[in-house]
Amino acid sequence: MAAWFDWDWVTALANSRADDEIRLIGPLFKSPTKRLPNNIRLLPPCKHAAALKAMLEFDVGLIPFKKNELTTSVDPIKYYEYRALALPVLSTDFGEMRLRSEAPGVFISQSEQDVEYLVQKALNCERDVEQAHAFALSNSWQVRFDAAQLLS
């Protein structure tokens, strides 16, 4: 979590879901400037396999990035991991995520005001394991590399 991480958005989410635990896993390069709600747990970085195992316990995958010059072209790997695990994705409206509002299981937040509504939609989203498996296969590094080879 660094300069591009939207602490205000995550705080709005935590406040709207006071009885739910919001788990944030990874290195903390830029601390929040305000005190976080008690239901946000900051967990240390871990190996990728452990992170994927932790994600299996999530109800919704979060991608809370600020919308700015730095994130305008970002296509977060976390999106692909969440979708391959059949997790609904709740993301802020930045970079490539802004183009995914119609993708199944993806909920794009325009502001802190729509968080409560969108998280409820994400929690009610049907998890389609077959669709997630097909997504993972069609978005593997090998498939992406092969597509790039065709363009060159």
C-alpha atoms as a PDB file:
ATOM      1  CA  MET A   1       0.000   0.000   0.000  1.00  0.00           C
ATOM      2  CA  ALA A   2       1.606   3.169  -1.225  1.00  0.00           C
ATOM      3  CA  ALA A   3       0.818   6.656  -2.524  1.00  0.00           C
ATOM      4  CA  TRP A   4      -1.747   5.291  -4.991  1.00  0.00           C
ATOM      5  CA  PHE A   5      -3.764   3.472  -2.304  1.00  0.00           C
ATOM      6  CA  ASP A   6      -7.114   5.144  -1.556  1.00  0.00           C
ATOM      7  CA  TRP A   7      -7.331   5.124   2.243  1.00  0.00           C
ATOM      8  CA  ASP A   8     -10.418   7.369   2.248  1.00  0.00           C
ATOM      9  CA  TRP A   9     -12.303   4.910   0.030  1.00  0.00           C
ATOM     10  CA  VAL A  10     -11.301   1.934   2.208  1.00  0.00           C
ATOM     11  CA  THR A  11     -12.358   3.876   5.298  1.00  0.00           C
ATOM     12  CA  ALA A  12     -15.753   4.583   3.715  1.00  0.00           C
ATOM     13  CA  LEU A  13     -16.101   0.862   2.968  1.00  0.00           C
ATOM     14  CA  ALA A  14     -15.169  -0.097   6.535  1.00  0.00           C
ATOM     15  CA  ASN A  15     -17.604   2.439   7.981  1.00  0.00           C
ATOM     16  CA  SER A  16     -20.416   1.124   5.774  1.00  0.00           C
ATOM     17  CA  ARG A  17     -19.701  -2.482   6.872  1.00  0.00           C
ATOM     18  CA  ALA A  18     -18.933  -1.989  10.572  1.00  0.00           C
ATOM     19  CA  ASP A  19     -19.654  -5.656  11.383  1.00  0.00           C
ATOM     20  CA  ASP A  20     -17.348  -6.970   8.641  1.00  0.00           C
ATOM     21  CA  GLU A  21     -13.587  -7.325   8.751  1.00  0.00           C
ATOM     22  CA  ILE A  22     -11.629  -5.595   5.987  1.00  0.00           C
ATOM     23  CA  ARG A  23      -8.304  -7.393   5.526  1.00  0.00           C
ATOM     24  CA  LEU A  24      -5.472  -5.611   3.740  1.00  0.00           C
ATOM     25  CA  ILE A  25      -2.430  -7.779   3.093  1.00  0.00           C
ATOM     26  CA  GLY A  26       0.929  -6.500   1.948  1.00  0.00           C
ATOM     27  CA  PRO A  27       3.698  -4.000   2.487  1.00  0.00           C
ATOM     28  CA  LEU A  28       2.799  -0.614   3.893  1.00  0.00           C
ATOM     29  CA  PHE A  29       4.853   2.001   2.050  1.00  0.00           C
ATOM     30  CA  LYS A  30       2.569   4.910   2.920  1.00  0.00           C
ATOM     31  CA  SER A  31       0.569   4.847   6.120  1.00  0.00           C
ATOM     32  CA  PRO A  32      -2.910   6.302   6.313  1.00  0.00           C
ATOM     33  CA  THR A  33      -3.019   9.906   7.470  1.00  0.00           C
ATOM     34  CA  LYS A  34      -6.081   9.311   9.655  1.00  0.00           C
ATOM     35  CA  ARG A  35      -6.944   6.692  12.247  1.00  0.00           C
ATOM     36  CA  LEU A  36      -8.521   3.669  10.571  1.00  0.00           C
ATOM     37  CA  PRO A  37     -11.801   2.105  11.695  1.00  0.00           C
ATOM     38  CA  ASN A  38     -11.376  -0.856  14.055  1.00  0.00           C
ATOM     39  CA  ASN A  39     -12.648  -3.355  11.482  1.00  0.00           C
ATOM     40  CA  ILE A  40      -9.675  -2.796   9.146  1.00  0.00           C
ATOM     41  CA  ARG A  41      -6.873  -5.302   9.714  1.00  0.00           C
ATOM     42  CA  LEU A  42      -3.477  -4.509   8.227  1.00  0.00           C
ATOM     43  CA  LEU A  43      -1.651  -7.778   7.660  1.00  0.00           C
ATOM     44  CA  PRO A  44       2.030  -8.105   6.755  1.00  0.00           C
ATOM     45  CA  PRO A  45       3.322  -9.139   3.346  1.00  0.00           C
ATOM     46  CA  CYS A  46       3.440 -12.851   2.695  1.00  0.00           C
ATOM     47  CA  LYS A  47       4.520 -15.219  -0.041  1.00  0.00           C
ATOM     48  CA  HIS A  48       2.291 -15.328  -3.110  1.00  0.00           C
ATOM     49  CA  ALA A  49       0.954 -18.817  -2.329  1.00  0.00           C
ATOM     50  CA  ALA A  50      -0.062 -17.681   1.157  1.00  0.00           C
ATOM     51  CA  ALA A  51      -1.739 -14.587  -0.290  1.00  0.00           C
ATOM     52  CA  LEU A  52      -3.751 -16.708  -2.729  1.00  0.00           C
ATOM     53  CA  LYS A  53      -4.764 -19.019   0.128  1.00  0.00           C
ATOM     54  CA  ALA A  54      -5.894 -15.989   2.164  1.00  0.00           C
ATOM     55  CA  MET A  55      -7.915 -14.730  -0.823  1.00  0.00           C
ATOM     56  CA  LEU A  56      -9.918 -17.977  -0.785  1.00  0.00           C
ATOM     57  CA  GLU A  57     -11.374 -16.766   2.517  1.00  0.00           C
ATOM     58  CA  PHE A  58     -12.436 -13.382   1.108  1.00  0.00           C
ATOM     59  CA  ASP A  59     -16.031 -12.581   0.248  1.00  0.00           C
ATOM     60  CA  VAL A  60     -15.004  -9.771  -2.110  1.00  0.00           C
ATOM     61  CA  GLY A  61     -11.671  -8.761  -3.613  1.00  0.00           C
ATOM     62  CA  LEU A  62     -10.779  -5.080  -3.262  1.00  0.00           C
ATOM     63  CA  ILE A  63      -8.738  -2.867  -5.576  1.00  0.00           C
ATOM     64  CA  PRO A  64      -8.843   0.581  -3.953  1.00  0.00           C
ATOM     65  CA  PHE A  65      -6.503   2.716  -6.057  1.00  0.00           C
ATOM     66  CA  LYS A  66      -6.702   6.462  -6.411  1.00  0.00           C
ATOM     67  CA  LYS A  67      -7.541   7.841  -9.816  1.00  0.00           C
ATOM     68  CA  ASN A  68      -4.536   9.911 -10.845  1.00  0.00           C
ATOM     69  CA  GLU A  69      -1.779  10.245 -13.418  1.00  0.00           C
ATOM     70  CA  LEU A  70       0.171   7.359 -11.899  1.00  0.00           C
ATOM     71  CA  THR A  71      -2.754   4.896 -12.070  1.00  0.00           C
ATOM     72  CA  THR A  72      -4.255   6.020 -15.383  1.00  0.00           C
ATOM     73  CA  SER A  73      -2.668   3.101 -17.295  1.00  0.00           C
ATOM     74  CA  VAL A  74      -2.553   0.495 -14.539  1.00  0.00           C
ATOM     75  CA  ASP A  75      -3.961  -2.981 -15.191  1.00  0.00           C
ATOM     76  CA  PRO A  76      -3.703  -4.616 -11.754  1.00  0.00           C
ATOM     77  CA  ILE A  77      -2.657  -8.251 -11.568  1.00  0.00           C
ATOM     78  CA  LYS A  78      -4.881  -8.506  -8.489  1.00  0.00           C
ATOM     79  CA  TYR A  79      -7.914  -8.271 -10.810  1.00  0.00           C
ATOM     80  CA  TYR A  80      -6.850 -11.411 -12.660  1.00  0.00           C
ATOM     81  CA  GLU A  81      -6.131 -13.276  -9.427  1.00  0.00           C
ATOM     82  CA  TYR A  82      -9.497 -12.378  -7.908  1.00  0.00           C
ATOM     83  CA  ARG A  83     -11.460 -13.328 -11.021  1.00  0.00           C
ATOM     84  CA  ALA A  84      -9.547 -16.615 -11.409  1.00  0.00           C
ATOM     85  CA  LEU A  85     -10.616 -17.423  -7.832  1.00  0.00           C
ATOM     86  CA  ALA A  86     -14.269 -16.597  -8.656  1.00  0.00           C
ATOM     87  CA  LEU A  87     -14.186 -13.628  -6.279  1.00  0.00           C
ATOM     88  CA  PRO A  88     -16.382 -10.639  -7.011  1.00  0.00           C
ATOM     89  CA  VAL A  89     -14.208  -7.552  -7.466  1.00  0.00           C
ATOM     90  CA  LEU A  90     -14.975  -4.171  -5.935  1.00  0.00           C
ATOM     91  CA  SER A  91     -12.665  -1.551  -7.376  1.00  0.00           C
ATOM     92  CA  THR A  92     -12.313   2.167  -7.645  1.00  0.00           C
ATOM     93  CA  ASP A  93     -12.606   3.721 -11.096  1.00  0.00           C
ATOM     94  CA  PHE A  94      -8.992   3.931 -12.295  1.00  0.00           C
ATOM     95  CA  GLY A  95      -6.799   2.733 -15.146  1.00  0.00           C
ATOM     96  CA  GLU A  96      -7.953  -0.404 -16.920  1.00  0.00           C
ATOM     97  CA  MET A  97     -10.499  -1.131 -14.185  1.00  0.00           C
ATOM     98  CA  ARG A  98     -12.678   1.724 -15.445  1.00  0.00           C
ATOM     99  CA  LEU A  99     -13.205  -0.344 -18.637  1.00  0.00           C
ATOM    100  CA  ARG A 100     -14.476  -3.406 -16.762  1.00  0.00           C
ATOM    101  CA  SER A 101     -17.760  -2.121 -15.363  1.00  0.00           C
ATOM    102  CA  GLU A 102     -19.716  -4.554 -17.550  1.00  0.00           C
ATOM    103  CA  ALA A 103     -17.544  -7.593 -16.786  1.00  0.00           C
ATOM    104  CA  PRO A 104     -19.241 -10.304 -14.744  1.00  0.00           C
ATOM    105  CA  GLY A 105     -18.553 -10.038 -11.031  1.00  0.00           C
ATOM    106  CA  VAL A 106     -16.922  -6.609 -11.307  1.00  0.00           C
ATOM    107  CA  PHE A 107     -18.262  -3.578  -9.446  1.00  0.00           C
ATOM    108  CA  ILE A 108     -16.645  -0.219 -10.160  1.00  0.00           C
ATOM    109  CA  SER A 109     -17.018   2.526  -7.583  1.00  0.00           C
ATOM    110  CA  GLN A 110     -17.190   6.108  -8.783  1.00  0.00           C
ATOM    111  CA  SER A 111     -16.916   7.634  -5.305  1.00  0.00           C
ATOM    112  CA  GLU A 112     -17.072   6.920  -1.598  1.00  0.00           C
ATOM    113  CA  GLN A 113     -20.846   7.516  -1.764  1.00  0.00           C
ATOM    114  CA  ASP A 114     -21.599   4.380  -3.812  1.00  0.00           C
ATOM    115  CA  VAL A 115     -19.487   1.969  -1.741  1.00  0.00           C
ATOM    116  CA  GLU A 116     -22.289   0.697   0.495  1.00  0.00           C
ATOM    117  CA  TYR A 117     -24.552  -0.059  -2.484  1.00  0.00           C
ATOM    118  CA  LEU A 118     -21.788  -1.724  -4.531  1.00  0.00           C
ATOM    119  CA  VAL A 119     -20.426  -3.878  -1.741  1.00  0.00           C
ATOM    120  CA  GLN A 120     -23.915  -5.280  -1.186  1.00  0.00           C
ATOM    121  CA  LYS A 121     -24.193  -6.063  -4.904  1.00  0.00           C
ATOM    122  CA  ALA A 122     -20.785  -7.737  -4.801  1.00  0.00           C
ATOM    123  CA  LEU A 123     -21.735  -9.802  -1.751  1.00  0.00           C
ATOM    124  CA  ASN A 124     -24.891 -10.967  -3.541  1.00  0.00           C
ATOM    125  CA  CYS A 125     -22.996 -11.828  -6.722  1.00  0.00           C
ATOM    126  CA  GLU A 126     -23.144 -15.463  -7.806  1.00  0.00           C
ATOM    127  CA  ARG A 127     -19.704 -17.057  -7.926  1.00  0.00           C
ATOM    128  CA  ASP A 128     -19.328 -19.021 -11.136  1.00  0.00           C
ATOM    129  CA  VAL A 129     -16.376 -21.399 -10.726  1.00  0.00           C
ATOM    130  CA  GLU A 130     -16.549 -22.616 -14.337  1.00  0.00           C
ATOM    131  CA  GLN A 131     -16.506 -19.046 -15.629  1.00  0.00           C
ATOM    132  CA  ALA A 132     -13.559 -18.288 -13.314  1.00  0.00           C
ATOM    133  CA  HIS A 133     -11.668 -21.315 -14.642  1.00  0.00           C
ATOM    134  CA  ALA A 134     -12.293 -20.231 -18.245  1.00  0.00           C
ATOM    135  CA  PHE A 135     -11.190 -16.696 -17.336  1.00  0.00           C
ATOM    136  CA  ALA A 136      -7.959 -18.013 -15.788  1.00  0.00           C
ATOM    137  CA  LEU A 137      -7.183 -20.117 -18.860  1.00  0.00           C
ATOM    138  CA  SER A 138      -7.851 -17.280 -21.308  1.00  0.00           C
ATOM    139  CA  ASN A 139      -5.756 -14.816 -19.275  1.00  0.00           C
ATOM    140  CA  SER A 140      -2.726 -16.948 -18.464  1.00  0.00           C
ATOM    141  CA  TRP A 141       0.720 -15.502 -19.035  1.00  0.00           C
ATOM    142  CA  GLN A 142       1.218 -18.043 -21.850  1.00  0.00           C
ATOM    143  CA  VAL A 143      -1.916 -16.910 -23.696  1.00  0.00           C
ATOM    144  CA  ARG A 144      -1.000 -13.261 -23.216  1.00  0.00           C
ATOM    145  CA  PHE A 145       2.563 -13.888 -24.361  1.00  0.00           C
ATOM    146  CA  ASP A 146       1.343 -15.778 -27.447  1.00  0.00           C
ATOM    147  CA  ALA A 147      -0.984 -12.875 -28.321  1.00  0.00           C
ATOM    148  CA  ALA A 148       1.902 -10.425 -28.000  1.00  0.00           C
ATOM    149  CA  GLN A 149       4.006 -12.611 -30.313  1.00  0.00           C
ATOM    150  CA  LEU A 150       1.279 -12.439 -32.962  1.00  0.00           C
ATOM    151  CA  LEU A 151       1.366  -8.640 -32.843  1.00  0.00           C
ATOM    152  CA  SER A 152       5.118  -8.458 -33.454  1.00  0.00           C
END
